[in-house]
Amino acid sequence: MSQDPELPKPTLKERFERLMARYGRVVLPVYFGIFALTLLGFALAIQAGFEVDSAAAGAGTWAAAYVATKVTQPLRIAATLLLTPLVANVISKLRRTSEPPA
């Protein structure tokens, strides 16, 4: 019996590039939507009193929120990888139901 050597798992960047090739127009709005929600969420949390212990803490709410958002980038990319096919599916179904019957 010959065993095939396991192929290395694709990197996050490679998976993101494949997603871009497959879903095109849907990937970037999903990614930037997650980015905007994360940035806004951090800004609101900081305004509500969440303490940020970083160099950007003294630079203002939006700067600290941006730094916190950049720290979460790998998680946001993973969320984009998971959510994009679902969003594309929903958009596809909505387009089919909005077409008039022939």
PDB file of N, CA and C in Angstrom:
ATOM      1  N   MET A   1       0.827  -1.184   0.000  1.00  0.00           N
ATOM      2  CA  MET A   1       0.000   0.000   0.000  1.00  0.00           C
ATOM      3  C   MET A   1       0.866   1.239   0.000  1.00  0.00           C
ATOM      4  N   SER A   2       0.619   2.110  -0.922  1.00  0.00           N
ATOM      5  CA  SER A   2       1.351   3.370  -0.924  1.00  0.00           C
ATOM      6  C   SER A   2       0.462   4.463  -0.349  1.00  0.00           C
ATOM      7  N   GLN A   3       1.029   5.245   0.510  1.00  0.00           N
ATOM      8  CA  GLN A   3       0.269   6.333   1.114  1.00  0.00           C
ATOM      9  C   GLN A   3       0.697   7.645   0.486  1.00  0.00           C
ATOM     10  N   ASP A   4      -0.302   8.432   0.118  1.00  0.00           N
ATOM     11  CA  ASP A   4      -0.001   9.749  -0.429  1.00  0.00           C
ATOM     12  C   ASP A   4       0.426  10.662   0.709  1.00  0.00           C
ATOM     13  N   PRO A   5       1.490  11.375   0.498  1.00  0.00           N
ATOM     14  CA  PRO A   5       1.874  12.327   1.553  1.00  0.00           C
ATOM     15  C   PRO A   5       0.805  13.407   1.664  1.00  0.00           C
ATOM     16  N   GLU A   6       0.531  13.798   2.874  1.00  0.00           N
ATOM     17  CA  GLU A   6      -0.491  14.807   3.070  1.00  0.00           C
ATOM     18  C   GLU A   6      -0.023  16.137   2.500  1.00  0.00           C
ATOM     19  N   LEU A   7      -0.934  16.783   1.784  1.00  0.00           N
ATOM     20  CA  LEU A   7      -0.623  18.099   1.252  1.00  0.00           C
ATOM     21  C   LEU A   7      -0.669  19.102   2.394  1.00  0.00           C
ATOM     22  N   PRO A   8       0.203  20.086   2.360  1.00  0.00           N
ATOM     23  CA  PRO A   8       0.168  21.082   3.430  1.00  0.00           C
ATOM     24  C   PRO A   8      -1.130  21.888   3.363  1.00  0.00           C
ATOM     25  N   LYS A   9      -1.620  22.257   4.522  1.00  0.00           N
ATOM     26  CA  LYS A   9      -2.842  23.042   4.604  1.00  0.00           C
ATOM     27  C   LYS A   9      -2.576  24.425   3.998  1.00  0.00           C
ATOM     28  N   PRO A  10      -3.480  24.903   3.138  1.00  0.00           N
ATOM     29  CA  PRO A  10      -3.247  26.220   2.525  1.00  0.00           C
ATOM     30  C   PRO A  10      -3.249  27.317   3.598  1.00  0.00           C
ATOM     31  N   THR A  11      -2.446  28.326   3.358  1.00  0.00           N
ATOM     32  CA  THR A  11      -2.376  29.438   4.303  1.00  0.00           C
ATOM     33  C   THR A  11      -3.669  30.243   4.232  1.00  0.00           C
ATOM     34  N   LEU A  12      -3.859  31.104   5.226  1.00  0.00           N
ATOM     35  CA  LEU A  12      -5.032  31.963   5.255  1.00  0.00           C
ATOM     36  C   LEU A  12      -5.062  32.851   4.023  1.00  0.00           C
ATOM     37  N   LYS A  13      -3.903  33.344   3.614  1.00  0.00           N
ATOM     38  CA  LYS A  13      -3.825  34.195   2.428  1.00  0.00           C
ATOM     39  C   LYS A  13      -4.234  33.424   1.173  1.00  0.00           C
ATOM     40  N   GLU A  14      -3.776  32.179   1.030  1.00  0.00           N
ATOM     41  CA  GLU A  14      -4.133  31.357  -0.134  1.00  0.00           C
ATOM     42  C   GLU A  14      -5.633  31.070  -0.163  1.00  0.00           C
ATOM     43  N   ARG A  15      -6.196  30.778   1.012  1.00  0.00           N
ATOM     44  CA  ARG A  15      -7.638  30.510   1.062  1.00  0.00           C
ATOM     45  C   ARG A  15      -8.427  31.766   0.729  1.00  0.00           C
ATOM     46  N   PHE A  16      -7.950  32.937   1.199  1.00  0.00           N
ATOM     47  CA  PHE A  16      -8.625  34.199   0.900  1.00  0.00           C
ATOM     48  C   PHE A  16      -8.572  34.485  -0.600  1.00  0.00           C
ATOM     49  N   GLU A  17      -7.432  34.215  -1.239  1.00  0.00           N
ATOM     50  CA  GLU A  17      -7.291  34.433  -2.678  1.00  0.00           C
ATOM     51  C   GLU A  17      -8.222  33.509  -3.468  1.00  0.00           C
ATOM     52  N   ARG A  18      -8.357  32.257  -3.023  1.00  0.00           N
ATOM     53  CA  ARG A  18      -9.298  31.335  -3.683  1.00  0.00           C
ATOM     54  C   ARG A  18     -10.731  31.824  -3.538  1.00  0.00           C
ATOM     55  N   LEU A  19     -11.037  32.338  -2.344  1.00  0.00           N
ATOM     56  CA  LEU A  19     -12.374  32.875  -2.099  1.00  0.00           C
ATOM     57  C   LEU A  19     -12.646  34.054  -3.026  1.00  0.00           C
ATOM     58  N   MET A  20     -11.649  34.934  -3.203  1.00  0.00           N
ATOM     59  CA  MET A  20     -11.785  36.080  -4.111  1.00  0.00           C
ATOM     60  C   MET A  20     -12.050  35.608  -5.536  1.00  0.00           C
ATOM     61  N   ALA A  21     -11.342  34.572  -5.950  1.00  0.00           N
ATOM     62  CA  ALA A  21     -11.513  34.063  -7.309  1.00  0.00           C
ATOM     63  C   ALA A  21     -12.910  33.470  -7.506  1.00  0.00           C
ATOM     64  N   ARG A  22     -13.438  32.829  -6.466  1.00  0.00           N
ATOM     65  CA  ARG A  22     -14.729  32.158  -6.606  1.00  0.00           C
ATOM     66  C   ARG A  22     -15.923  33.100  -6.424  1.00  0.00           C
ATOM     67  N   TYR A  23     -15.857  33.981  -5.419  1.00  0.00           N
ATOM     68  CA  TYR A  23     -17.021  34.793  -5.086  1.00  0.00           C
ATOM     69  C   TYR A  23     -16.884  36.260  -5.492  1.00  0.00           C
ATOM     70  N   GLY A  24     -15.722  36.640  -5.985  1.00  0.00           N
ATOM     71  CA  GLY A  24     -15.493  37.967  -6.529  1.00  0.00           C
ATOM     72  C   GLY A  24     -16.102  39.130  -5.786  1.00  0.00           C
ATOM     73  N   ARG A  25     -17.219  39.621  -6.281  1.00  0.00           N
ATOM     74  CA  ARG A  25     -17.841  40.842  -5.786  1.00  0.00           C
ATOM     75  C   ARG A  25     -18.351  40.757  -4.352  1.00  0.00           C
ATOM     76  N   VAL A  26     -18.547  39.577  -3.846  1.00  0.00           N
ATOM     77  CA  VAL A  26     -19.139  39.426  -2.513  1.00  0.00           C
ATOM     78  C   VAL A  26     -18.087  39.505  -1.413  1.00  0.00           C
ATOM     79  N   VAL A  27     -16.867  39.087  -1.706  1.00  0.00           N
ATOM     80  CA  VAL A  27     -15.835  38.982  -0.668  1.00  0.00           C
ATOM     81  C   VAL A  27     -15.510  40.334  -0.034  1.00  0.00           C
ATOM     82  N   LEU A  28     -15.236  41.333  -0.840  1.00  0.00           N
ATOM     83  CA  LEU A  28     -14.809  42.615  -0.285  1.00  0.00           C
ATOM     84  C   LEU A  28     -15.887  43.306   0.542  1.00  0.00           C
ATOM     85  N   PRO A  29     -17.147  43.344   0.098  1.00  0.00           N
ATOM     86  CA  PRO A  29     -18.161  43.936   0.980  1.00  0.00           C
ATOM     87  C   PRO A  29     -18.305  43.187   2.311  1.00  0.00           C
ATOM     88  N   VAL A  30     -18.190  41.860   2.283  1.00  0.00           N
ATOM     89  CA  VAL A  30     -18.261  41.093   3.527  1.00  0.00           C
ATOM     90  C   VAL A  30     -17.074  41.447   4.418  1.00  0.00           C
ATOM     91  N   TYR A  31     -15.876  41.469   3.841  1.00  0.00           N
ATOM     92  CA  TYR A  31     -14.668  41.770   4.621  1.00  0.00           C
ATOM     93  C   TYR A  31     -14.745  43.181   5.217  1.00  0.00           C
ATOM     94  N   PHE A  32     -15.071  44.160   4.381  1.00  0.00           N
ATOM     95  CA  PHE A  32     -15.111  45.536   4.880  1.00  0.00           C
ATOM     96  C   PHE A  32     -16.304  45.780   5.801  1.00  0.00           C
ATOM     97  N   GLY A  33     -17.389  45.033   5.612  1.00  0.00           N
ATOM     98  CA  GLY A  33     -18.510  45.119   6.551  1.00  0.00           C
ATOM     99  C   GLY A  33     -18.106  44.626   7.928  1.00  0.00           C
ATOM    100  N   ILE A  34     -17.390  43.508   7.966  1.00  0.00           N
ATOM    101  CA  ILE A  34     -16.889  42.984   9.240  1.00  0.00           C
ATOM    102  C   ILE A  34     -15.895  43.974   9.848  1.00  0.00           C
ATOM    103  N   PHE A  35     -15.034  44.558   9.011  1.00  0.00           N
ATOM    104  CA  PHE A  35     -14.067  45.554   9.483  1.00  0.00           C
ATOM    105  C   PHE A  35     -14.796  46.738  10.116  1.00  0.00           C
ATOM    106  N   ALA A  36     -15.797  47.276   9.430  1.00  0.00           N
ATOM    107  CA  ALA A  36     -16.526  48.441   9.936  1.00  0.00           C
ATOM    108  C   ALA A  36     -17.244  48.119  11.244  1.00  0.00           C
ATOM    109  N   LEU A  37     -17.885  46.958  11.306  1.00  0.00           N
ATOM    110  CA  LEU A  37     -18.583  46.573  12.540  1.00  0.00           C
ATOM    111  C   LEU A  37     -17.612  46.379  13.705  1.00  0.00           C
ATOM    112  N   THR A  38     -16.450  45.808  13.416  1.00  0.00           N
ATOM    113  CA  THR A  38     -15.445  45.610  14.455  1.00  0.00           C
ATOM    114  C   THR A  38     -14.902  46.947  14.948  1.00  0.00           C
ATOM    115  N   LEU A  39     -14.585  47.831  14.015  1.00  0.00           N
ATOM    116  CA  LEU A  39     -14.070  49.153  14.372  1.00  0.00           C
ATOM    117  C   LEU A  39     -15.090  49.921  15.203  1.00  0.00           C
ATOM    118  N   LEU A  40     -16.329  49.924  14.761  1.00  0.00           N
ATOM    119  CA  LEU A  40     -17.395  50.612  15.490  1.00  0.00           C
ATOM    120  C   LEU A  40     -17.606  49.976  16.864  1.00  0.00           C
ATOM    121  N   GLY A  41     -17.574  48.656  16.926  1.00  0.00           N
ATOM    122  CA  GLY A  41     -17.740  47.961  18.198  1.00  0.00           C
ATOM    123  C   GLY A  41     -16.650  48.314  19.196  1.00  0.00           C
ATOM    124  N   PHE A  42     -15.395  48.336  18.722  1.00  0.00           N
ATOM    125  CA  PHE A  42     -14.302  48.722  19.609  1.00  0.00           C
ATOM    126  C   PHE A  42     -14.425  50.182  20.037  1.00  0.00           C
ATOM    127  N   ALA A  43     -14.792  51.063  19.110  1.00  0.00           N
ATOM    128  CA  ALA A  43     -14.941  52.482  19.460  1.00  0.00           C
ATOM    129  C   ALA A  43     -16.021  52.657  20.520  1.00  0.00           C
ATOM    130  N   LEU A  44     -17.140  51.971  20.349  1.00  0.00           N
ATOM    131  CA  LEU A  44     -18.213  52.064  21.343  1.00  0.00           C
ATOM    132  C   LEU A  44     -17.784  51.486  22.687  1.00  0.00           C
ATOM    133  N   ALA A  45     -17.054  50.369  22.650  1.00  0.00           N
ATOM    134  CA  ALA A  45     -16.583  49.757  23.891  1.00  0.00           C
ATOM    135  C   ALA A  45     -15.614  50.689  24.618  1.00  0.00           C
ATOM    136  N   ILE A  46     -14.730  51.329  23.873  1.00  0.00           N
ATOM    137  CA  ILE A  46     -13.769  52.257  24.480  1.00  0.00           C
ATOM    138  C   ILE A  46     -14.503  53.466  25.060  1.00  0.00           C
ATOM    139  N   GLN A  47     -15.484  53.978  24.325  1.00  0.00           N
ATOM    140  CA  GLN A  47     -16.285  55.104  24.820  1.00  0.00           C
ATOM    141  C   GLN A  47     -17.044  54.722  26.089  1.00  0.00           C
ATOM    142  N   ALA A  48     -17.465  53.472  26.173  1.00  0.00           N
ATOM    143  CA  ALA A  48     -18.234  53.007  27.330  1.00  0.00           C
ATOM    144  C   ALA A  48     -17.344  52.734  28.543  1.00  0.00           C
ATOM    145  N   GLY A  49     -16.025  52.843  28.362  1.00  0.00           N
ATOM    146  CA  GLY A  49     -15.152  52.696  29.507  1.00  0.00           C
ATOM    147  C   GLY A  49     -14.209  51.519  29.470  1.00  0.00           C
ATOM    148  N   PHE A  50     -14.192  50.746  28.409  1.00  0.00           N
ATOM    149  CA  PHE A  50     -13.248  49.636  28.283  1.00  0.00           C
ATOM    150  C   PHE A  50     -11.838  50.206  28.223  1.00  0.00           C
ATOM    151  N   GLU A  51     -10.958  49.708  29.066  1.00  0.00           N
ATOM    152  CA  GLU A  51      -9.583  50.211  29.125  1.00  0.00           C
ATOM    153  C   GLU A  51      -8.720  49.544  28.069  1.00  0.00           C
ATOM    154  N   VAL A  52      -7.995  50.344  27.306  1.00  0.00           N
ATOM    155  CA  VAL A  52      -7.076  49.835  26.296  1.00  0.00           C
ATOM    156  C   VAL A  52      -5.661  50.049  26.798  1.00  0.00           C
ATOM    157  N   ASP A  53      -4.920  48.970  26.967  1.00  0.00           N
ATOM    158  CA  ASP A  53      -3.544  49.058  27.437  1.00  0.00           C
ATOM    159  C   ASP A  53      -2.593  48.894  26.263  1.00  0.00           C
ATOM    160  N   SER A  54      -2.444  49.956  25.487  1.00  0.00           N
ATOM    161  CA  SER A  54      -1.532  49.914  24.351  1.00  0.00           C
ATOM    162  C   SER A  54      -1.001  51.309  24.097  1.00  0.00           C
ATOM    163  N   ALA A  55      -0.110  51.408  23.157  1.00  0.00           N
ATOM    164  CA  ALA A  55       0.464  52.709  22.816  1.00  0.00           C
ATOM    165  C   ALA A  55      -0.597  53.644  22.253  1.00  0.00           C
ATOM    166  N   ALA A  56      -1.624  53.088  21.623  1.00  0.00           N
ATOM    167  CA  ALA A  56      -2.659  53.912  21.011  1.00  0.00           C
ATOM    168  C   ALA A  56      -3.708  54.367  22.018  1.00  0.00           C
ATOM    169  N   ALA A  57      -3.621  53.906  23.250  1.00  0.00           N
ATOM    170  CA  ALA A  57      -4.642  54.249  24.241  1.00  0.00           C
ATOM    171  C   ALA A  57      -4.747  55.750  24.454  1.00  0.00           C
ATOM    172  N   GLY A  58      -3.624  56.434  24.437  1.00  0.00           N
ATOM    173  CA  GLY A  58      -3.643  57.872  24.635  1.00  0.00           C
ATOM    174  C   GLY A  58      -3.906  58.653  23.362  1.00  0.00           C
ATOM    175  N   ALA A  59      -3.980  57.997  22.248  1.00  0.00           N
ATOM    176  CA  ALA A  59      -4.130  58.677  20.958  1.00  0.00           C
ATOM    177  C   ALA A  59      -5.569  58.967  20.597  1.00  0.00           C
ATOM    178  N   GLY A  60      -6.492  58.568  21.395  1.00  0.00           N
ATOM    179  CA  GLY A  60      -7.883  58.829  21.093  1.00  0.00           C
ATOM    180  C   GLY A  60      -8.647  57.553  20.836  1.00  0.00           C
ATOM    181  N   THR A  61      -9.956  57.712  20.913  1.00  0.00           N
ATOM    182  CA  THR A  61     -10.845  56.565  20.780  1.00  0.00           C
ATOM    183  C   THR A  61     -10.693  55.860  19.442  1.00  0.00           C
ATOM    184  N   TRP A  62     -10.725  56.623  18.347  1.00  0.00           N
ATOM    185  CA  TRP A  62     -10.694  55.992  17.025  1.00  0.00           C
ATOM    186  C   TRP A  62      -9.350  55.361  16.712  1.00  0.00           C
ATOM    187  N   ALA A  63      -8.275  55.970  17.162  1.00  0.00           N
ATOM    188  CA  ALA A  63      -6.950  55.371  16.942  1.00  0.00           C
ATOM    189  C   ALA A  63      -6.824  54.068  17.722  1.00  0.00           C
ATOM    190  N   ALA A  64      -7.278  54.081  18.976  1.00  0.00           N
ATOM    191  CA  ALA A  64      -7.223  52.858  19.781  1.00  0.00           C
ATOM    192  C   ALA A  64      -8.128  51.782  19.186  1.00  0.00           C
ATOM    193  N   ALA A  65      -9.300  52.192  18.699  1.00  0.00           N
ATOM    194  CA  ALA A  65     -10.222  51.234  18.080  1.00  0.00           C
ATOM    195  C   ALA A  65      -9.609  50.643  16.813  1.00  0.00           C
ATOM    196  N   TYR A  66      -8.906  51.476  16.039  1.00  0.00           N
ATOM    197  CA  TYR A  66      -8.262  50.989  14.817  1.00  0.00           C
ATOM    198  C   TYR A  66      -7.172  49.971  15.148  1.00  0.00           C
ATOM    199  N   VAL A  67      -6.351  50.265  16.145  1.00  0.00           N
ATOM    200  CA  VAL A  67      -5.291  49.329  16.540  1.00  0.00           C
ATOM    201  C   VAL A  67      -5.905  48.013  17.013  1.00  0.00           C
ATOM    202  N   ALA A  68      -6.951  48.091  17.826  1.00  0.00           N
ATOM    203  CA  ALA A  68      -7.623  46.876  18.298  1.00  0.00           C
ATOM    204  C   ALA A  68      -8.221  46.097  17.130  1.00  0.00           C
ATOM    205  N   THR A  69      -8.756  46.819  16.152  1.00  0.00           N
ATOM    206  CA  THR A  69      -9.333  46.168  14.972  1.00  0.00           C
ATOM    207  C   THR A  69      -8.245  45.467  14.159  1.00  0.00           C
ATOM    208  N   LYS A  70      -7.086  46.103  14.005  1.00  0.00           N
ATOM    209  CA  LYS A  70      -5.981  45.480  13.272  1.00  0.00           C
ATOM    210  C   LYS A  70      -5.486  44.219  13.980  1.00  0.00           C
ATOM    211  N   VAL A  71      -5.524  44.220  15.297  1.00  0.00           N
ATOM    212  CA  VAL A  71      -5.102  43.035  16.054  1.00  0.00           C
ATOM    213  C   VAL A  71      -6.021  41.852  15.751  1.00  0.00           C
ATOM    214  N   THR A  72      -7.283  42.135  15.485  1.00  0.00           N
ATOM    215  CA  THR A  72      -8.252  41.071  15.214  1.00  0.00           C
ATOM    216  C   THR A  72      -8.287  40.656  13.743  1.00  0.00           C
ATOM    217  N   GLN A  73      -7.368  41.158  12.924  1.00  0.00           N
ATOM    218  CA  GLN A  73      -7.406  40.870  11.488  1.00  0.00           C
ATOM    219  C   GLN A  73      -7.449  39.377  11.152  1.00  0.00           C
ATOM    220  N   PRO A  74      -6.641  38.519  11.756  1.00  0.00           N
ATOM    221  CA  PRO A  74      -6.747  37.090  11.418  1.00  0.00           C
ATOM    222  C   PRO A  74      -8.146  36.524  11.706  1.00  0.00           C
ATOM    223  N   LEU A  75      -8.755  36.969  12.788  1.00  0.00           N
ATOM    224  CA  LEU A  75     -10.119  36.512  13.092  1.00  0.00           C
ATOM    225  C   LEU A  75     -11.123  37.046  12.078  1.00  0.00           C
ATOM    226  N   ARG A  76     -10.926  38.290  11.643  1.00  0.00           N
ATOM    227  CA  ARG A  76     -11.839  38.866  10.648  1.00  0.00           C
ATOM    228  C   ARG A  76     -11.701  38.163   9.300  1.00  0.00           C
ATOM    229  N   ILE A  77     -10.480  37.790   8.941  1.00  0.00           N
ATOM    230  CA  ILE A  77     -10.278  37.047   7.687  1.00  0.00           C
ATOM    231  C   ILE A  77     -10.943  35.681   7.794  1.00  0.00           C
ATOM    232  N   ALA A  78     -10.789  35.027   8.931  1.00  0.00           N
ATOM    233  CA  ALA A  78     -11.442  33.724   9.129  1.00  0.00           C
ATOM    234  C   ALA A  78     -12.963  33.868   9.058  1.00  0.00           C
ATOM    235  N   ALA A  79     -13.497  34.917   9.661  1.00  0.00           N
ATOM    236  CA  ALA A  79     -14.948  35.154   9.596  1.00  0.00           C
ATOM    237  C   ALA A  79     -15.379  35.408   8.153  1.00  0.00           C
ATOM    238  N   THR A  80     -14.557  36.114   7.395  1.00  0.00           N
ATOM    239  CA  THR A  80     -14.866  36.358   5.978  1.00  0.00           C
ATOM    240  C   THR A  80     -14.890  35.043   5.213  1.00  0.00           C
ATOM    241  N   LEU A  81     -13.923  34.166   5.490  1.00  0.00           N
ATOM    242  CA  LEU A  81     -13.882  32.863   4.820  1.00  0.00           C
ATOM    243  C   LEU A  81     -15.146  32.049   5.120  1.00  0.00           C
ATOM    244  N   LEU A  82     -15.643  32.166   6.339  1.00  0.00           N
ATOM    245  CA  LEU A  82     -16.837  31.412   6.725  1.00  0.00           C
ATOM    246  C   LEU A  82     -18.131  32.042   6.212  1.00  0.00           C
ATOM    247  N   LEU A  83     -18.212  33.358   6.259  1.00  0.00           N
ATOM    248  CA  LEU A  83     -19.470  34.037   5.945  1.00  0.00           C
ATOM    249  C   LEU A  83     -19.700  34.303   4.462  1.00  0.00           C
ATOM    250  N   THR A  84     -18.645  34.469   3.686  1.00  0.00           N
ATOM    251  CA  THR A  84     -18.816  34.816   2.274  1.00  0.00           C
ATOM    252  C   THR A  84     -19.660  33.802   1.505  1.00  0.00           C
ATOM    253  N   PRO A  85     -19.409  32.489   1.617  1.00  0.00           N
ATOM    254  CA  PRO A  85     -20.271  31.553   0.890  1.00  0.00           C
ATOM    255  C   PRO A  85     -21.741  31.657   1.321  1.00  0.00           C
ATOM    256  N   LEU A  86     -21.977  31.892   2.613  1.00  0.00           N
ATOM    257  CA  LEU A  86     -23.360  32.034   3.089  1.00  0.00           C
ATOM    258  C   LEU A  86     -24.020  33.275   2.519  1.00  0.00           C
ATOM    259  N   VAL A  87     -23.302  34.381   2.522  1.00  0.00           N
ATOM    260  CA  VAL A  87     -23.845  35.635   1.985  1.00  0.00           C
ATOM    261  C   VAL A  87     -24.092  35.495   0.490  1.00  0.00           C
ATOM    262  N   ALA A  88     -23.161  34.887  -0.233  1.00  0.00           N
ATOM    263  CA  ALA A  88     -23.322  34.681  -1.674  1.00  0.00           C
ATOM    264  C   ALA A  88     -24.541  33.809  -1.960  1.00  0.00           C
ATOM    265  N   ASN A  89     -24.756  32.795  -1.119  1.00  0.00           N
ATOM    266  CA  ASN A  89     -25.915  31.920  -1.268  1.00  0.00           C
ATOM    267  C   ASN A  89     -27.223  32.695  -1.074  1.00  0.00           C
ATOM    268  N   VAL A  90     -27.271  33.527  -0.034  1.00  0.00           N
ATOM    269  CA  VAL A  90     -28.469  34.320   0.245  1.00  0.00           C
ATOM    270  C   VAL A  90     -28.736  35.291  -0.905  1.00  0.00           C
ATOM    271  N   ILE A  91     -27.695  35.955  -1.387  1.00  0.00           N
ATOM    272  CA  ILE A  91     -27.862  36.890  -2.509  1.00  0.00           C
ATOM    273  C   ILE A  91     -28.368  36.156  -3.740  1.00  0.00           C
ATOM    274  N   SER A  92     -27.823  34.987  -4.006  1.00  0.00           N
ATOM    275  CA  SER A  92     -28.258  34.190  -5.154  1.00  0.00           C
ATOM    276  C   SER A  92     -29.731  33.818  -5.037  1.00  0.00           C
ATOM    277  N   LYS A  93     -30.161  33.405  -3.845  1.00  0.00           N
ATOM    278  CA  LYS A  93     -31.565  33.043  -3.643  1.00  0.00           C
ATOM    279  C   LYS A  93     -32.475  34.255  -3.773  1.00  0.00           C
ATOM    280  N   LEU A  94     -32.044  35.403  -3.261  1.00  0.00           N
ATOM    281  CA  LEU A  94     -32.840  36.610  -3.375  1.00  0.00           C
ATOM    282  C   LEU A  94     -33.001  37.054  -4.828  1.00  0.00           C
ATOM    283  N   ARG A  95     -31.947  36.894  -5.591  1.00  0.00           N
ATOM    284  CA  ARG A  95     -32.017  37.246  -7.027  1.00  0.00           C
ATOM    285  C   ARG A  95     -32.973  36.327  -7.771  1.00  0.00           C
ATOM    286  N   ARG A  96     -32.949  35.038  -7.422  1.00  0.00           N
ATOM    287  CA  ARG A  96     -33.849  34.087  -8.084  1.00  0.00           C
ATOM    288  C   ARG A  96     -35.313  34.360  -7.749  1.00  0.00           C
ATOM    289  N   THR A  97     -35.601  34.718  -6.500  1.00  0.00           N
ATOM    290  CA  THR A  97     -36.979  34.956  -6.110  1.00  0.00           C
ATOM    291  C   THR A  97     -37.498  36.299  -6.602  1.00  0.00           C
ATOM    292  N   SER A  98     -36.601  37.246  -6.904  1.00  0.00           N
ATOM    293  CA  SER A  98     -37.055  38.555  -7.368  1.00  0.00           C
ATOM    294  C   SER A  98     -37.293  38.575  -8.871  1.00  0.00           C
ATOM    295  N   GLU A  99     -36.834  37.553  -9.575  1.00  0.00           N
ATOM    296  CA  GLU A  99     -37.071  37.501 -11.018  1.00  0.00           C
ATOM    297  C   GLU A  99     -38.534  37.137 -11.284  1.00  0.00           C
ATOM    298  N   PRO A 100     -39.160  37.836 -12.246  1.00  0.00           N
ATOM    299  CA  PRO A 100     -40.551  37.496 -12.563  1.00  0.00           C
ATOM    300  C   PRO A 100     -40.646  36.131 -13.219  1.00  0.00           C
ATOM    301  N   PRO A 101     -41.719  35.385 -12.917  1.00  0.00           N
ATOM    302  CA  PRO A 101     -41.872  34.071 -13.535  1.00  0.00           C
ATOM    303  C   PRO A 101     -42.014  34.184 -15.061  1.00  0.00           C
ATOM    304  N   ALA A 102     -41.448  33.227 -15.756  1.00  0.00           N
ATOM    305  CA  ALA A 102     -41.495  33.268 -17.235  1.00  0.00           C
ATOM    306  C   ALA A 102     -42.788  32.746 -17.766  1.00  0.00           C
TER     307      ALA A 102
END
